């Protein structure tokens, strides 16, 4: 009947009542054994601790140091990754420029070859077709 935040804050103080706490008599209706009741309560508290959110949890100094070290390492890794990507882009751009230049040379050679063939065919037509008798 308690809110989860209040329950999680007081889980560690749960216990089975005992005669030492001022009770006249302690009876367990479902078991004649107090040890079984103690085990049941222990298991119930454990289950609640596993499934209940801890509201007042704060990171320790050690955790904050580890987090800062990790963030520094992560920043260094990202920096190296960005440097590598930039180098790859430069390499790809350089490769693309060389490829375009080579394609341009091939295209120019094809054009000059096609131009030479066209020129030769015009010359042959202008001179007339050679006869088979010659």
Protein backbone atom coordinates (compact mmCIF):
# COMPACT_ATOMS: atom_id res chain seq x y z
CA UNK A 1 0.00 0.00 0.00
CA UNK A 2 3.05 2.24 -0.17
CA UNK A 3 4.19 4.22 -3.20
CA UNK A 4 7.12 2.56 -5.04
CA UNK A 5 9.57 5.32 -4.07
CA UNK A 6 8.79 4.96 -0.36
CA UNK A 7 8.85 1.16 -0.63
CA UNK A 8 12.27 1.09 -2.28
CA UNK A 9 13.68 3.47 0.34
CA UNK A 10 12.55 1.26 3.23
CA UNK A 11 13.15 -2.26 1.86
CA UNK A 12 16.32 -2.73 3.86
CA UNK A 13 14.48 -2.14 7.15
CA UNK A 14 11.84 -4.87 6.64
CA UNK A 15 12.00 -7.67 9.21
CA UNK A 16 9.90 -10.33 10.91
CA UNK A 17 8.61 -9.22 14.32
CA UNK A 18 10.28 -10.87 17.29
CA UNK A 19 9.77 -11.10 21.06
CA UNK A 20 12.87 -8.92 21.51
CA UNK A 21 10.97 -6.02 19.97
CA UNK A 22 8.37 -6.10 22.73
CA UNK A 23 5.74 -8.41 21.27
CA UNK A 24 4.03 -10.77 23.71
CA UNK A 25 3.71 -13.61 21.23
CA UNK A 26 4.66 -14.02 17.58
CA UNK A 27 2.66 -16.63 15.63
CA UNK A 28 2.88 -17.44 11.97
CA UNK A 29 -0.49 -18.62 10.63
CA UNK A 30 0.79 -20.23 7.48
CA UNK A 31 3.81 -21.96 9.01
CA UNK A 32 4.83 -23.10 12.44
CA UNK A 33 8.44 -22.32 11.59
CA UNK A 34 9.80 -18.77 11.99
CA UNK A 35 12.74 -19.66 9.75
CA UNK A 36 10.39 -20.30 6.79
CA UNK A 37 8.78 -16.90 7.34
CA UNK A 38 12.21 -15.27 7.47
CA UNK A 39 13.20 -16.98 4.18
CA UNK A 40 9.92 -15.91 2.55
CA UNK A 41 10.46 -12.28 3.59
CA UNK A 42 14.07 -12.38 2.41
CA UNK A 43 12.99 -13.69 -1.01
CA UNK A 44 10.18 -11.12 -1.25
CA UNK A 45 12.57 -8.24 -0.43
CA UNK A 46 15.06 -9.57 -2.98
CA UNK A 47 12.35 -9.74 -5.68
CA UNK A 48 11.23 -6.20 -4.86
CA UNK A 49 14.81 -4.91 -5.01
CA UNK A 50 15.27 -6.48 -8.43
CA UNK A 51 12.04 -4.99 -9.84
CA UNK A 52 11.85 -1.63 -8.05
CA UNK A 53 13.46 1.54 -9.33
CA UNK A 54 16.08 3.07 -7.05
CA UNK A 55 15.22 6.75 -6.71
CA UNK A 56 18.15 8.03 -4.67
CA UNK A 57 20.97 6.39 -6.61
CA UNK A 58 23.91 8.73 -7.28
CA UNK A 59 27.11 7.90 -9.17
CA UNK A 60 30.27 7.67 -7.13
CA UNK A 61 33.50 9.60 -7.62
CA UNK A 62 35.09 6.48 -9.18
CA UNK A 63 32.25 6.23 -11.71
CA UNK A 64 32.55 9.90 -12.64
CA UNK A 65 36.31 9.47 -13.20
CA UNK A 66 35.73 6.39 -15.35
CA UNK A 67 33.03 8.22 -17.33
CA UNK A 68 35.35 11.19 -17.94
CA UNK A 69 38.14 8.85 -19.12
CA UNK A 70 35.74 7.04 -21.43
CA UNK A 71 34.43 10.30 -22.89
CA UNK A 72 38.01 11.44 -23.59
CA UNK A 73 38.80 8.13 -25.29
CA UNK A 74 35.56 8.30 -27.28
CA UNK A 75 36.38 11.83 -28.45
CA UNK A 76 39.85 10.67 -29.54
CA UNK A 77 38.35 7.70 -31.42
CA UNK A 78 35.83 9.93 -33.19
CA UNK A 79 38.60 12.37 -34.11
CA UNK A 80 40.70 9.56 -35.61
CA UNK A 81 37.65 8.24 -37.45
CA UNK A 82 36.91 11.68 -38.91
CA UNK A 83 40.56 12.08 -39.97
CA UNK A 84 40.45 8.68 -41.66
CA UNK A 85 37.19 9.51 -43.44
CA UNK A 86 38.64 12.82 -44.65
CA UNK A 87 41.75 11.04 -45.96
CA UNK A 88 39.55 8.49 -47.72
CA UNK A 89 37.49 11.27 -49.34
CA UNK A 90 40.68 12.95 -50.56
CA UNK A 91 41.94 9.65 -51.91
CA UNK A 92 38.61 8.96 -53.64
CA UNK A 93 38.52 12.48 -55.10
CA UNK A 94 42.09 12.08 -56.34
CA UNK A 95 41.18 8.70 -57.84
CA UNK A 96 38.07 10.20 -59.46
CA UNK A 97 40.13 13.03 -60.96
CA UNK A 98 42.67 10.54 -62.37
CA UNK A 99 39.84 8.37 -63.68
CA UNK A 100 38.16 11.34 -65.36
CA UNK A 101 41.45 12.37 -66.92
CA UNK A 102 42.00 8.83 -68.23
CA UNK A 103 38.43 8.65 -69.54
CA UNK A 104 38.96 12.02 -71.19
CA UNK A 105 42.15 10.78 -72.88
CA UNK A 106 40.39 7.64 -74.09
CA UNK A 107 37.47 9.71 -75.38
CA UNK A 108 39.87 12.09 -77.11
CA UNK A 109 41.70 9.13 -78.67
CA UNK A 110 38.39 7.67 -79.82
CA UNK A 111 37.37 11.01 -81.27
CA UNK A 112 40.67 11.41 -83.08
CA UNK A 113 40.47 7.82 -84.36
CA UNK A 114 36.89 8.33 -85.48
CA UNK A 115 37.87 11.63 -87.06
CA UNK A 116 40.79 9.96 -88.88
CA UNK A 117 38.53 7.15 -90.12
CA UNK A 118 35.92 9.62 -91.33
CA UNK A 119 38.60 11.68 -93.06
CA UNK A 120 40.02 8.58 -94.74
CA UNK A 121 36.60 7.42 -95.87
CA UNK A 122 35.86 10.88 -97.34
CA UNK A 123 39.16 10.77 -99.21
CA UNK A 124 38.40 7.30 -100.56
CA UNK A 125 34.97 8.45 -101.73
CA UNK A 126 36.46 11.52 -103.32
CA UNK A 127 39.06 9.51 -105.19
CA UNK A 128 36.52 6.97 -106.21
CA UNK A 129 36.25 3.37 -105.35
CA UNK A 130 39.12 1.20 -106.46
CA UNK A 131 38.16 -1.28 -109.16
CA UNK A 132 38.70 -4.95 -108.96
CA UNK A 133 40.74 -4.92 -112.18
CA UNK A 134 43.59 -2.99 -110.75
